[in-house]
């Protein structure tokens, strides 16, 4: 479910960037080119931008979800531990015969996407 929603968000955001770029002067949308704290390259390279995050999600051939442990204490005082899905995923794929591998923090990506979409909405309402 989370990978489906991530892909849906990435496609919609990328589409929004492209539509807004058609109206922008110069033909560039600053929100798409802003540095992202959500992406980190492990193999290969690319711009660490919000637009690149959308590209990597859309074109990934492989999603790897990582798991963490959630430690807590129940009402009865007993300690327990649950395995939970981390918000950081590994993505990999190919671009012009060059392999790439990166990590993407989906929570940070969602926050940055929401902020960029709000700014675009305000900019183009004026």
N, C-alpha and C. Protein backbone atom coordinates (compact mmCIF):
# COMPACT_ATOMS: atom_id res chain seq x y z
N UNK A 1 0.82 -1.19 0.00
CA UNK A 1 0.00 0.00 0.00
C UNK A 1 0.87 1.27 0.00
N UNK A 2 1.92 1.27 0.85
CA UNK A 2 2.73 2.48 0.94
C UNK A 2 3.48 2.73 -0.37
N UNK A 3 3.91 1.69 -1.06
CA UNK A 3 4.61 1.92 -2.33
C UNK A 3 3.64 2.42 -3.39
N UNK A 4 2.40 1.97 -3.38
CA UNK A 4 1.39 2.46 -4.32
C UNK A 4 1.13 3.94 -4.10
N UNK A 5 0.96 4.35 -2.86
CA UNK A 5 0.71 5.76 -2.54
C UNK A 5 1.93 6.61 -2.85
N UNK A 6 3.13 6.08 -2.63
CA UNK A 6 4.35 6.82 -2.95
C UNK A 6 4.44 7.07 -4.45
N UNK A 7 4.14 6.06 -5.24
CA UNK A 7 4.17 6.21 -6.69
C UNK A 7 3.10 7.20 -7.14
N UNK A 8 1.92 7.10 -6.56
CA UNK A 8 0.83 8.03 -6.90
C UNK A 8 1.23 9.47 -6.59
N UNK A 9 1.82 9.71 -5.42
CA UNK A 9 2.26 11.05 -5.05
C UNK A 9 3.35 11.54 -6.00
N UNK A 10 4.32 10.69 -6.31
CA UNK A 10 5.42 11.08 -7.20
C UNK A 10 4.91 11.43 -8.59
N UNK A 11 4.01 10.64 -9.13
CA UNK A 11 3.48 10.91 -10.46
C UNK A 11 2.70 12.22 -10.47
N UNK A 12 1.86 12.42 -9.47
CA UNK A 12 1.08 13.66 -9.41
C UNK A 12 1.95 14.89 -9.22
N UNK A 13 2.97 14.79 -8.37
CA UNK A 13 3.87 15.93 -8.15
C UNK A 13 4.67 16.23 -9.40
N UNK A 14 5.19 15.19 -10.05
CA UNK A 14 5.96 15.39 -11.28
C UNK A 14 5.08 16.03 -12.36
N UNK A 15 3.84 15.59 -12.46
CA UNK A 15 2.89 16.17 -13.41
C UNK A 15 2.63 17.63 -13.09
N UNK A 16 2.49 17.95 -11.81
CA UNK A 16 2.28 19.33 -11.38
C UNK A 16 3.48 20.19 -11.76
N UNK A 17 4.69 19.70 -11.51
CA UNK A 17 5.90 20.43 -11.90
C UNK A 17 5.91 20.71 -13.40
N UNK A 18 5.60 19.70 -14.18
CA UNK A 18 5.64 19.85 -15.64
C UNK A 18 4.57 20.83 -16.13
N UNK A 19 3.37 20.76 -15.57
CA UNK A 19 2.31 21.70 -15.97
C UNK A 19 2.68 23.14 -15.59
N UNK A 20 3.21 23.32 -14.40
CA UNK A 20 3.58 24.67 -13.95
C UNK A 20 4.76 25.22 -14.74
N UNK A 21 5.70 24.34 -15.13
CA UNK A 21 6.85 24.79 -15.92
C UNK A 21 6.39 25.36 -17.26
N UNK A 22 5.30 24.85 -17.79
CA UNK A 22 4.78 25.35 -19.06
C UNK A 22 4.31 26.80 -18.95
N UNK A 23 3.93 27.22 -17.74
CA UNK A 23 3.45 28.59 -17.52
C UNK A 23 4.52 29.50 -16.93
N UNK A 24 5.62 28.90 -16.44
CA UNK A 24 6.66 29.68 -15.75
C UNK A 24 7.53 30.41 -16.75
N UNK A 25 8.08 31.51 -16.29
CA UNK A 25 9.01 32.27 -17.10
C UNK A 25 10.17 32.68 -16.19
N UNK A 26 11.37 32.16 -16.31
CA UNK A 26 11.82 31.23 -17.33
C UNK A 26 11.19 29.84 -17.12
N UNK A 27 11.39 28.97 -18.08
CA UNK A 27 10.71 27.69 -18.13
C UNK A 27 11.28 26.70 -17.10
N UNK A 28 11.20 27.07 -15.82
CA UNK A 28 11.75 26.26 -14.75
C UNK A 28 10.91 26.50 -13.50
N UNK A 29 10.67 25.50 -12.74
CA UNK A 29 9.91 25.63 -11.50
C UNK A 29 10.87 25.43 -10.33
N UNK A 30 11.03 26.48 -9.52
CA UNK A 30 12.02 26.45 -8.44
C UNK A 30 11.75 25.31 -7.45
N UNK A 31 10.49 25.01 -7.18
CA UNK A 31 10.16 23.96 -6.22
C UNK A 31 10.68 22.60 -6.67
N UNK A 32 10.70 22.36 -7.98
CA UNK A 32 11.18 21.09 -8.51
C UNK A 32 12.69 20.97 -8.36
N UNK A 33 13.38 22.10 -8.45
CA UNK A 33 14.84 22.10 -8.44
C UNK A 33 15.43 22.30 -7.05
N UNK A 34 14.58 22.52 -6.05
CA UNK A 34 15.12 22.74 -4.70
C UNK A 34 15.75 21.48 -4.14
N UNK A 35 16.76 21.67 -3.32
CA UNK A 35 17.47 20.55 -2.71
C UNK A 35 16.52 19.78 -1.80
N UNK A 36 16.62 18.48 -1.87
CA UNK A 36 15.80 17.60 -1.04
C UNK A 36 16.67 16.93 0.01
N UNK A 37 16.15 16.86 1.22
CA UNK A 37 16.84 16.13 2.29
C UNK A 37 16.38 14.68 2.36
N UNK A 38 15.45 14.30 1.47
CA UNK A 38 14.86 12.95 1.51
C UNK A 38 15.69 11.91 0.78
N UNK A 39 16.52 12.33 -0.18
CA UNK A 39 17.22 11.37 -1.04
C UNK A 39 18.72 11.36 -0.74
N UNK A 40 19.30 10.15 -0.81
CA UNK A 40 20.74 10.00 -0.65
C UNK A 40 21.21 8.89 -1.59
N UNK A 41 22.17 9.20 -2.44
CA UNK A 41 22.68 8.21 -3.39
C UNK A 41 23.72 7.32 -2.74
N UNK A 42 23.59 6.03 -2.99
CA UNK A 42 24.56 5.04 -2.52
C UNK A 42 25.45 4.62 -3.68
N UNK A 43 24.82 4.42 -4.84
CA UNK A 43 25.54 4.05 -6.05
C UNK A 43 25.02 4.92 -7.19
N UNK A 44 25.92 5.37 -8.03
CA UNK A 44 25.53 6.31 -9.07
C UNK A 44 25.39 7.70 -8.46
N UNK A 45 24.86 8.61 -9.25
CA UNK A 45 24.70 9.97 -8.73
C UNK A 45 23.55 10.64 -9.46
N UNK A 46 23.22 11.78 -8.99
CA UNK A 46 22.16 12.58 -9.58
C UNK A 46 21.91 13.78 -8.69
N UNK A 47 21.13 14.71 -9.16
CA UNK A 47 20.83 15.87 -8.34
C UNK A 47 19.96 15.47 -7.15
N UNK A 48 20.26 15.99 -6.00
CA UNK A 48 19.46 15.69 -4.81
C UNK A 48 18.34 16.72 -4.71
N UNK A 49 17.41 16.63 -5.67
CA UNK A 49 16.30 17.58 -5.75
C UNK A 49 14.97 16.86 -5.57
N UNK A 50 13.93 17.64 -5.33
CA UNK A 50 12.60 17.08 -5.19
C UNK A 50 12.16 16.40 -6.49
N UNK A 51 12.49 17.01 -7.62
CA UNK A 51 12.15 16.41 -8.91
C UNK A 51 12.85 15.05 -9.09
N UNK A 52 14.11 14.96 -8.66
CA UNK A 52 14.83 13.70 -8.76
C UNK A 52 14.20 12.63 -7.87
N UNK A 53 13.68 13.03 -6.71
CA UNK A 53 12.96 12.07 -5.86
C UNK A 53 11.78 11.47 -6.62
N UNK A 54 11.02 12.34 -7.30
CA UNK A 54 9.88 11.84 -8.06
C UNK A 54 10.35 10.91 -9.18
N UNK A 55 11.42 11.29 -9.86
CA UNK A 55 11.95 10.45 -10.94
C UNK A 55 12.36 9.07 -10.44
N UNK A 56 13.05 9.04 -9.30
CA UNK A 56 13.53 7.76 -8.78
C UNK A 56 12.38 6.86 -8.37
N UNK A 57 11.35 7.42 -7.76
CA UNK A 57 10.19 6.61 -7.37
C UNK A 57 9.49 6.07 -8.62
N UNK A 58 9.30 6.92 -9.61
CA UNK A 58 8.59 6.53 -10.83
C UNK A 58 9.37 5.47 -11.61
N UNK A 59 10.69 5.61 -11.69
CA UNK A 59 11.49 4.73 -12.55
C UNK A 59 12.19 3.59 -11.82
N UNK A 60 11.96 3.46 -10.53
CA UNK A 60 12.63 2.39 -9.77
C UNK A 60 12.17 1.03 -10.26
N UNK A 61 13.13 0.15 -10.42
CA UNK A 61 12.81 -1.23 -10.76
C UNK A 61 12.71 -2.08 -9.52
N UNK A 62 13.13 -1.53 -8.39
CA UNK A 62 13.22 -2.31 -7.17
C UNK A 62 12.98 -1.41 -5.97
N UNK A 63 12.07 -1.80 -5.09
CA UNK A 63 11.80 -1.12 -3.82
C UNK A 63 12.16 -2.07 -2.70
N UNK A 64 12.94 -1.63 -1.75
CA UNK A 64 13.25 -2.44 -0.57
C UNK A 64 12.84 -1.66 0.67
N UNK A 65 11.87 -2.19 1.37
CA UNK A 65 11.42 -1.55 2.61
C UNK A 65 12.22 -2.12 3.76
N UNK A 66 12.70 -1.22 4.61
CA UNK A 66 13.48 -1.65 5.76
C UNK A 66 12.59 -1.63 7.00
N UNK A 67 13.02 -2.37 8.01
CA UNK A 67 12.23 -2.48 9.23
C UNK A 67 13.06 -2.06 10.42
N UNK A 68 12.40 -1.45 11.39
CA UNK A 68 13.00 -1.07 12.67
C UNK A 68 12.24 -1.80 13.76
N UNK A 69 12.68 -1.60 14.98
CA UNK A 69 11.98 -2.17 16.13
C UNK A 69 11.36 -1.03 16.92
N UNK A 70 10.14 -1.25 17.33
CA UNK A 70 9.43 -0.30 18.19
C UNK A 70 9.40 -0.90 19.58
N UNK A 71 10.06 -0.23 20.50
CA UNK A 71 10.15 -0.71 21.88
C UNK A 71 9.20 0.11 22.75
N UNK A 72 8.47 -0.56 23.63
CA UNK A 72 7.55 0.16 24.50
C UNK A 72 7.24 -0.69 25.74
N UNK A 73 6.45 -0.09 26.62
CA UNK A 73 6.00 -0.78 27.83
C UNK A 73 4.49 -0.78 27.83
N UNK A 74 3.91 -1.95 28.05
CA UNK A 74 2.46 -2.08 28.08
C UNK A 74 1.88 -1.55 29.39
N UNK A 75 0.55 -1.51 29.46
CA UNK A 75 -0.15 -1.04 30.67
C UNK A 75 0.17 -1.91 31.88
N UNK A 76 0.52 -3.16 31.62
CA UNK A 76 0.83 -4.08 32.73
C UNK A 76 2.30 -3.99 33.16
N UNK A 77 3.06 -3.05 32.55
CA UNK A 77 4.46 -2.87 32.91
C UNK A 77 5.42 -3.76 32.15
N UNK A 78 4.89 -4.65 31.32
CA UNK A 78 5.73 -5.56 30.54
C UNK A 78 6.31 -4.82 29.34
N UNK A 79 7.60 -5.02 29.11
CA UNK A 79 8.25 -4.46 27.93
C UNK A 79 7.91 -5.33 26.73
N UNK A 80 7.73 -4.68 25.58
CA UNK A 80 7.49 -5.44 24.36
C UNK A 80 8.16 -4.73 23.20
N UNK A 81 8.30 -5.49 22.13
CA UNK A 81 8.98 -4.98 20.95
C UNK A 81 8.20 -5.44 19.71
N UNK A 82 7.96 -4.52 18.79
CA UNK A 82 7.28 -4.85 17.54
C UNK A 82 8.16 -4.43 16.37
N UNK A 83 8.11 -5.20 15.32
CA UNK A 83 8.80 -4.82 14.09
C UNK A 83 7.89 -3.87 13.32
N UNK A 84 8.42 -2.72 12.93
CA UNK A 84 7.64 -1.73 12.18
C UNK A 84 8.37 -1.34 10.91
N UNK A 85 7.61 -1.01 9.91
CA UNK A 85 8.20 -0.60 8.64
C UNK A 85 8.81 0.80 8.79
N UNK A 86 10.04 0.95 8.36
CA UNK A 86 10.72 2.24 8.41
C UNK A 86 10.21 3.13 7.29
N UNK A 87 10.34 4.43 7.48
CA UNK A 87 9.94 5.34 6.41
C UNK A 87 11.00 5.46 5.32
N UNK A 88 12.19 4.89 5.58
CA UNK A 88 13.27 4.95 4.60
C UNK A 88 13.24 3.68 3.74
N UNK A 89 13.23 3.89 2.42
CA UNK A 89 13.25 2.77 1.48
C UNK A 89 14.49 2.87 0.61
N UNK A 90 14.88 1.73 0.08
CA UNK A 90 15.96 1.70 -0.91
C UNK A 90 15.32 1.51 -2.27
N UNK A 91 15.78 2.29 -3.23
CA UNK A 91 15.30 2.20 -4.60
C UNK A 91 16.49 1.96 -5.51
N UNK A 92 16.28 1.18 -6.55
CA UNK A 92 17.35 1.01 -7.53
C UNK A 92 16.77 0.87 -8.92
N UNK A 93 17.61 1.12 -9.88
CA UNK A 93 17.20 1.03 -11.27
C UNK A 93 18.36 1.34 -12.18
N UNK A 94 18.04 1.58 -13.42
CA UNK A 94 19.05 1.85 -14.45
C UNK A 94 18.69 3.14 -15.18
N UNK A 95 19.72 3.91 -15.51
CA UNK A 95 19.54 5.12 -16.32
C UNK A 95 20.66 5.15 -17.35
N UNK A 96 20.29 4.99 -18.62
CA UNK A 96 21.28 4.94 -19.70
C UNK A 96 22.40 3.94 -19.40
N UNK A 97 22.03 2.73 -19.06
CA UNK A 97 22.96 1.62 -18.78
C UNK A 97 23.82 1.82 -17.56
N UNK A 98 23.50 2.80 -16.75
CA UNK A 98 24.23 3.00 -15.50
C UNK A 98 23.29 2.68 -14.34
N UNK A 99 23.76 1.81 -13.46
CA UNK A 99 22.96 1.41 -12.31
C UNK A 99 22.98 2.52 -11.26
N UNK A 100 21.84 2.73 -10.61
CA UNK A 100 21.79 3.66 -9.50
C UNK A 100 21.09 2.99 -8.32
N UNK A 101 21.44 3.41 -7.13
CA UNK A 101 20.86 2.92 -5.89
C UNK A 101 20.82 4.10 -4.94
N UNK A 102 19.66 4.33 -4.34
CA UNK A 102 19.55 5.43 -3.39
C UNK A 102 18.60 5.05 -2.26
N UNK A 103 18.67 5.81 -1.20
CA UNK A 103 17.67 5.69 -0.14
C UNK A 103 16.77 6.91 -0.23
N UNK A 104 15.53 6.73 0.15
CA UNK A 104 14.57 7.82 0.12
C UNK A 104 13.72 7.74 1.38
N UNK A 105 13.72 8.82 2.13
CA UNK A 105 12.88 8.90 3.33
C UNK A 105 11.50 9.37 2.89
N UNK A 106 10.53 8.47 2.90
CA UNK A 106 9.20 8.79 2.39
C UNK A 106 8.49 9.87 3.20
N UNK A 107 8.72 9.92 4.52
CA UNK A 107 8.09 10.97 5.33
C UNK A 107 8.62 12.35 4.95
N UNK A 108 9.94 12.45 4.80
CA UNK A 108 10.53 13.73 4.38
C UNK A 108 10.06 14.10 2.98
N UNK A 109 10.01 13.11 2.07
CA UNK A 109 9.56 13.36 0.71
C UNK A 109 8.12 13.90 0.72
N UNK A 110 7.25 13.29 1.50
CA UNK A 110 5.86 13.75 1.58
C UNK A 110 5.76 15.17 2.12
N UNK A 111 6.54 15.48 3.14
CA UNK A 111 6.54 16.83 3.70
C UNK A 111 7.03 17.84 2.66
N UNK A 112 8.11 17.52 1.97
CA UNK A 112 8.65 18.43 0.95
C UNK A 112 7.69 18.57 -0.22
N UNK A 113 7.04 17.48 -0.61
CA UNK A 113 6.07 17.51 -1.72
C UNK A 113 4.88 18.39 -1.35
N UNK A 114 4.39 18.26 -0.14
CA UNK A 114 3.26 19.07 0.32
C UNK A 114 3.62 20.55 0.32
N UNK A 115 4.79 20.86 0.83
CA UNK A 115 5.25 22.25 0.88
C UNK A 115 5.39 22.83 -0.54
N UNK A 116 6.00 22.07 -1.43
CA UNK A 116 6.19 22.54 -2.81
C UNK A 116 4.85 22.74 -3.51
N UNK A 117 3.92 21.83 -3.31
CA UNK A 117 2.60 21.94 -3.94
C UNK A 117 1.86 23.18 -3.43
N UNK A 118 1.96 23.45 -2.14
CA UNK A 118 1.32 24.65 -1.58
C UNK A 118 1.93 25.92 -2.18
N UNK A 119 3.25 25.96 -2.28
CA UNK A 119 3.92 27.13 -2.85
C UNK A 119 3.53 27.34 -4.31
N UNK A 120 3.44 26.25 -5.06
CA UNK A 120 3.04 26.36 -6.46
C UNK A 120 1.60 26.86 -6.58
N UNK A 121 0.74 26.36 -5.73
CA UNK A 121 -0.66 26.80 -5.74
C UNK A 121 -0.75 28.31 -5.48
N UNK A 122 -0.02 28.78 -4.47
CA UNK A 122 -0.02 30.21 -4.15
C UNK A 122 0.57 31.03 -5.28
N UNK A 123 1.65 30.55 -5.86
CA UNK A 123 2.34 31.29 -6.92
C UNK A 123 1.45 31.46 -8.15
N UNK A 124 0.75 30.41 -8.52
CA UNK A 124 -0.03 30.46 -9.74
C UNK A 124 -1.46 30.97 -9.53
N UNK A 125 -1.86 31.23 -8.27
CA UNK A 125 -3.15 31.86 -8.02
C UNK A 125 -3.05 33.37 -8.20
N UNK A 126 -1.84 33.90 -8.06
CA UNK A 126 -1.64 35.34 -8.14
C UNK A 126 -1.75 35.85 -9.56
